[in-house]
Amino acid sequence: MNVNLSVESYRGADGSSLSPVRCSQMVKVYEMLETMGNDVISYVDIQEEAARRKLFGNTKAKNAIRTFFPLLKKLDFVNYDGVFAANKCFTELGTQFVLACRALKNVADDTPHKDKIISKLKSIKRNAQQKGLVNMKNDPEWSSHNMWIALKLLKRFKILHWKEFLYTLHCIENGETIEDAIRKIEADKKNIDNIVFLNEANNVLPNTCYSYIRSFLEEAGLITKVSPLESKLLDDSDVFFSQIEL
């Protein structure tokens, strides 16, 4: 069975996660801003300076920053409204995350207690990312983000087939609730998991409709991959879920 989804339904996903590549870019931006000290700058200035320095090598710095900085702002990792001191762009939480990323990159093979250090740094990084997600949930501007739909489904099913996420978007698009979608998934899971989802031009939807959300939740230590189309909620996610209301 084919089901069409409008762009209004599936576009509610950020075009970035916090992958190792993004973390490396974050560190470079952070270090650049630290060298600029109290210089008063704007968001556009960050892009211009990063481009001037070829901060990311052959990757276009302006495009990259425009891709991941909005996500950082949602998490309250950065604040770039108006003009500001360069070294104040990253918040305390954002700085904590960046420093953990930088420290992880600097762990060498011969570092004493390497495994223990890596485990601790990854824990700091995950916790910061989860706190950022709580910040985002508490901001009314992002109350309808598709992230919360995915998390509600994961909390209910523990193992989520991502076509069930798309099916829920379809139900909402047609005036139904998430609870309605959950009941239908419980009653007809096999058929729903085999739906082919199409865009408005009748082309198969790319997995980017959910892949950035999935990657973000994996990086935050909330889920793990079961198969290319399935993710499992991790047991220690309970602490996170106690901090948000879905």
Protein backbone atom coordinates (compact mmCIF):
# COMPACT_ATOMS: atom_id res chain seq x y z
CA MET A 1 0.00 0.00 0.00
CA ASN A 2 1.18 3.51 -0.84
CA VAL A 3 0.53 6.51 1.42
CA ASN A 4 1.30 10.12 0.55
CA LEU A 5 2.65 12.62 3.06
CA SER A 6 2.75 16.37 2.57
CA VAL A 7 5.97 18.26 3.13
CA GLU A 8 4.25 20.12 5.96
CA SER A 9 4.13 16.86 7.91
CA TYR A 10 7.61 15.46 7.42
CA ARG A 11 9.75 18.59 7.22
CA GLY A 12 9.73 19.01 11.03
CA ALA A 13 13.18 17.50 11.40
CA ASP A 14 16.46 19.37 11.70
CA GLY A 15 18.85 18.88 8.81
CA SER A 16 21.58 17.93 11.22
CA SER A 17 22.36 15.77 14.20
CA LEU A 18 25.43 15.93 16.45
CA SER A 19 27.55 13.43 14.56
CA PRO A 20 31.34 13.19 15.04
CA VAL A 21 31.78 15.45 11.99
CA ARG A 22 29.45 18.07 13.44
CA CYS A 23 31.12 17.81 16.84
CA SER A 24 34.49 18.43 15.22
CA GLN A 25 33.08 21.47 13.44
CA MET A 26 31.56 22.72 16.69
CA VAL A 27 34.94 22.51 18.40
CA LYS A 28 36.56 24.50 15.59
CA VAL A 29 33.90 27.23 15.80
CA TYR A 30 34.22 27.34 19.59
CA GLU A 31 38.00 27.69 19.42
CA MET A 32 37.73 30.38 16.74
CA LEU A 33 35.31 32.37 18.90
CA GLU A 34 37.57 31.99 21.93
CA THR A 35 40.47 33.52 19.98
CA MET A 36 38.20 36.47 19.11
CA GLY A 37 37.61 37.14 22.80
CA ASN A 38 35.30 40.06 23.59
CA ASP A 39 34.97 41.21 19.97
CA VAL A 40 31.35 42.14 19.34
CA ILE A 41 30.01 40.06 16.46
CA SER A 42 26.81 38.71 14.91
CA TYR A 43 25.67 35.33 13.59
CA VAL A 44 26.58 36.45 10.07
CA ASP A 45 30.05 37.43 11.30
CA ILE A 46 30.59 33.88 12.60
CA GLN A 47 29.83 32.54 9.13
CA GLU A 48 32.01 35.11 7.39
CA GLU A 49 34.99 34.58 9.68
CA ALA A 50 34.74 30.80 9.47
CA ALA A 51 34.67 31.06 5.66
CA ARG A 52 37.61 33.47 5.63
CA ARG A 53 39.67 31.07 7.73
CA LYS A 54 38.53 28.02 5.71
CA LEU A 55 37.69 26.59 9.10
CA PHE A 56 36.35 23.29 7.75
CA GLY A 57 38.81 22.82 4.91
CA ASN A 58 37.03 22.13 1.63
CA THR A 59 33.60 22.12 3.30
CA LYS A 60 31.78 25.41 2.82
CA ALA A 61 31.79 26.90 6.30
CA LYS A 62 28.82 29.21 5.81
CA ASN A 63 26.58 26.39 4.65
CA ALA A 64 27.71 24.07 7.42
CA ILE A 65 27.13 26.65 10.15
CA ARG A 66 23.71 27.51 8.77
CA THR A 67 22.91 23.79 8.89
CA PHE A 68 23.85 22.94 12.47
CA PHE A 69 23.79 26.21 14.42
CA PRO A 70 19.96 26.43 14.48
CA LEU A 71 19.88 23.01 16.18
CA LEU A 72 22.46 24.18 18.74
CA LYS A 73 20.27 27.17 19.49
CA LYS A 74 17.22 24.97 20.05
CA LEU A 75 19.25 22.96 22.56
CA ASP A 76 20.42 26.16 24.28
CA PHE A 77 24.03 25.32 23.38
CA VAL A 78 24.51 28.71 21.71
CA ASN A 79 22.86 32.10 21.75
CA TYR A 80 23.44 34.27 18.70
CA ASP A 81 20.61 36.79 18.79
CA GLY A 82 21.59 40.30 17.71
CA VAL A 83 25.22 41.12 18.55
CA PHE A 84 27.29 39.58 21.31
CA ALA A 85 30.82 39.01 22.57
CA ALA A 86 32.39 36.23 20.50
CA ASN A 87 33.44 34.24 23.55
CA LYS A 88 29.89 34.37 24.96
CA CYS A 89 28.18 32.71 22.01
CA PHE A 90 28.36 29.23 23.54
CA THR A 91 26.31 28.80 26.71
CA GLU A 92 27.54 26.94 29.78
CA LEU A 93 25.80 23.78 28.59
CA GLY A 94 27.12 24.19 25.06
CA THR A 95 30.65 24.73 26.37
CA GLN A 96 30.38 21.58 28.47
CA PHE A 97 29.36 19.61 25.38
CA VAL A 98 32.11 21.08 23.18
CA LEU A 99 34.85 20.51 25.74
CA ALA A 100 33.79 16.87 26.08
CA CYS A 101 33.93 16.51 22.28
CA ARG A 102 37.41 18.07 22.20
CA ALA A 103 38.68 15.91 25.04
CA LEU A 104 37.40 12.75 23.33
CA LYS A 105 39.26 13.68 20.17
CA ASN A 106 42.46 14.20 22.17
CA VAL A 107 42.44 10.82 23.92
CA ALA A 108 45.41 8.91 22.54
CA ASP A 109 45.91 5.16 22.31
CA ASP A 110 48.55 5.31 25.05
CA THR A 111 46.49 7.50 27.40
CA PRO A 112 46.43 5.88 30.89
CA HIS A 113 42.98 4.51 31.78
CA LYS A 114 41.90 5.28 28.22
CA ASP A 115 38.67 3.25 28.28
CA LYS A 116 37.54 4.72 31.58
CA ILE A 117 38.23 8.27 30.38
CA ILE A 118 36.38 7.72 27.08
CA SER A 119 33.40 6.26 28.93
CA LYS A 120 33.25 9.24 31.29
CA LEU A 121 33.56 11.80 28.47
CA LYS A 122 30.87 10.09 26.40
CA SER A 123 28.60 10.14 29.45
CA ILE A 124 29.17 13.91 29.90
CA LYS A 125 28.45 14.44 26.21
CA ARG A 126 25.26 12.37 26.27
CA ASN A 127 24.01 14.04 29.43
CA ALA A 128 24.57 17.51 27.96
CA GLN A 129 22.72 16.50 24.82
CA GLN A 130 19.80 15.15 26.85
CA LYS A 131 19.67 18.37 28.91
CA GLY A 132 19.64 20.28 25.64
CA LEU A 133 16.70 18.21 24.48
CA VAL A 134 14.84 19.04 27.71
CA ASN A 135 15.57 22.74 27.06
CA MET A 136 14.14 22.37 23.58
CA LYS A 137 11.00 20.64 24.88
CA ASN A 138 10.45 23.41 27.42
CA ASP A 139 10.58 26.10 24.72
CA PRO A 140 7.04 26.72 23.36
CA GLU A 141 8.51 27.59 19.96
CA TRP A 142 9.44 23.93 19.41
CA SER A 143 6.41 22.30 21.07
CA SER A 144 5.21 20.76 17.78
CA HIS A 145 8.58 19.39 16.65
CA ASN A 146 8.47 15.87 15.22
CA MET A 147 11.07 14.84 17.79
CA TRP A 148 8.33 14.59 20.44
CA ILE A 149 6.21 12.33 18.23
CA ALA A 150 9.17 9.96 17.82
CA LEU A 151 9.88 9.99 21.56
CA LYS A 152 6.24 9.34 22.45
CA LEU A 153 6.15 6.35 20.12
CA LEU A 154 9.44 5.02 21.49
CA LYS A 155 8.20 5.39 25.04
CA ARG A 156 5.05 3.44 24.16
CA PHE A 157 6.48 0.68 21.96
CA LYS A 158 10.11 0.44 23.23
CA ILE A 159 11.04 -0.80 19.75
CA LEU A 160 9.96 1.56 16.96
CA HIS A 161 9.73 0.79 13.27
CA TRP A 162 10.31 4.16 11.63
CA LYS A 163 7.47 3.57 9.17
CA GLU A 164 5.23 3.71 12.25
CA PHE A 165 6.59 7.19 12.87
CA LEU A 166 5.70 8.17 9.28
CA TYR A 167 2.30 6.55 9.67
CA THR A 168 1.68 8.64 12.79
CA LEU A 169 2.51 11.78 10.80
CA HIS A 170 -0.02 10.60 8.21
CA CYS A 171 -2.69 10.16 10.89
CA ILE A 172 -2.01 13.61 12.34
CA GLU A 173 -2.14 15.10 8.85
CA ASN A 174 -5.64 13.64 8.54
CA GLY A 175 -6.90 15.13 11.79
CA GLU A 176 -6.25 12.18 14.08
CA THR A 177 -4.24 12.14 17.30
CA ILE A 178 -1.05 10.31 18.22
CA GLU A 179 -3.19 8.06 20.44
CA ASP A 180 -5.37 7.20 17.42
CA ALA A 181 -2.23 6.28 15.49
CA ILE A 182 -0.93 4.13 18.34
CA ARG A 183 -4.19 2.15 18.45
CA LYS A 184 -4.05 1.57 14.70
CA ILE A 185 -0.40 0.49 14.86
CA GLU A 186 -1.19 -1.98 17.64
CA ALA A 187 -4.07 -3.40 15.59
CA ASP A 188 -2.34 -3.58 12.21
CA LYS A 189 1.43 -3.36 12.77
CA LYS A 190 2.43 -5.82 10.03
CA ASN A 191 0.65 -3.95 7.25
CA ILE A 192 1.70 -0.51 8.50
CA ASP A 193 5.36 -1.58 8.58
CA ASN A 194 5.08 -2.43 4.88
CA ILE A 195 3.56 0.84 3.69
CA VAL A 196 5.47 2.72 0.97
CA PHE A 197 5.42 6.43 1.88
CA LEU A 198 5.43 8.92 -0.98
CA ASN A 199 5.85 12.67 -1.20
CA GLU A 200 3.50 15.04 -3.01
CA ALA A 201 5.20 14.24 -6.32
CA ASN A 202 4.58 10.51 -5.73
CA ASN A 203 8.28 9.81 -5.16
CA VAL A 204 9.37 7.53 -2.34
CA LEU A 205 10.18 9.56 0.75
CA PRO A 206 13.90 9.57 1.65
CA ASN A 207 14.86 8.40 5.13
CA THR A 208 15.96 11.95 5.97
CA CYS A 209 12.35 12.41 7.09
CA TYR A 210 13.43 10.65 10.27
CA SER A 211 17.14 9.82 10.04
CA TYR A 212 18.34 13.04 11.70
CA ILE A 213 15.96 12.46 14.61
CA ARG A 214 17.10 8.85 14.88
CA SER A 215 20.79 9.82 14.78
CA PHE A 216 20.28 12.55 17.37
CA LEU A 217 18.58 10.13 19.78
CA GLU A 218 21.32 7.55 19.23
CA GLU A 219 24.01 10.15 19.93
CA ALA A 220 22.13 11.22 23.06
CA GLY A 221 22.27 7.66 24.39
CA LEU A 222 18.48 7.20 24.33
CA ILE A 223 18.10 4.58 21.59
CA THR A 224 20.12 2.00 19.71
CA LYS A 225 19.73 0.61 16.21
CA VAL A 226 18.03 -2.79 15.90
CA SER A 227 17.84 -2.82 12.11
CA PRO A 228 17.96 -0.20 9.33
CA LEU A 229 14.29 0.60 10.02
CA GLU A 230 14.00 -0.17 13.75
CA SER A 231 15.31 1.45 16.92
CA LYS A 232 15.13 0.28 20.53
CA LEU A 233 14.71 2.52 23.55
CA LEU A 234 17.51 2.02 26.09
CA ASP A 235 16.60 1.14 29.68
CA ASP A 236 18.43 4.09 31.26
CA SER A 237 16.31 6.52 29.23
CA ASP A 238 13.87 6.52 32.17
CA VAL A 239 15.78 9.38 33.82
CA PHE A 240 15.39 11.49 30.70
CA PHE A 241 11.68 10.76 30.35
CA SER A 242 11.13 11.81 33.98
CA GLN A 243 12.26 15.31 32.99
CA ILE A 244 9.86 15.93 30.10
CA GLU A 245 6.13 15.69 29.50
CA LEU A 246 5.09 14.27 26.15
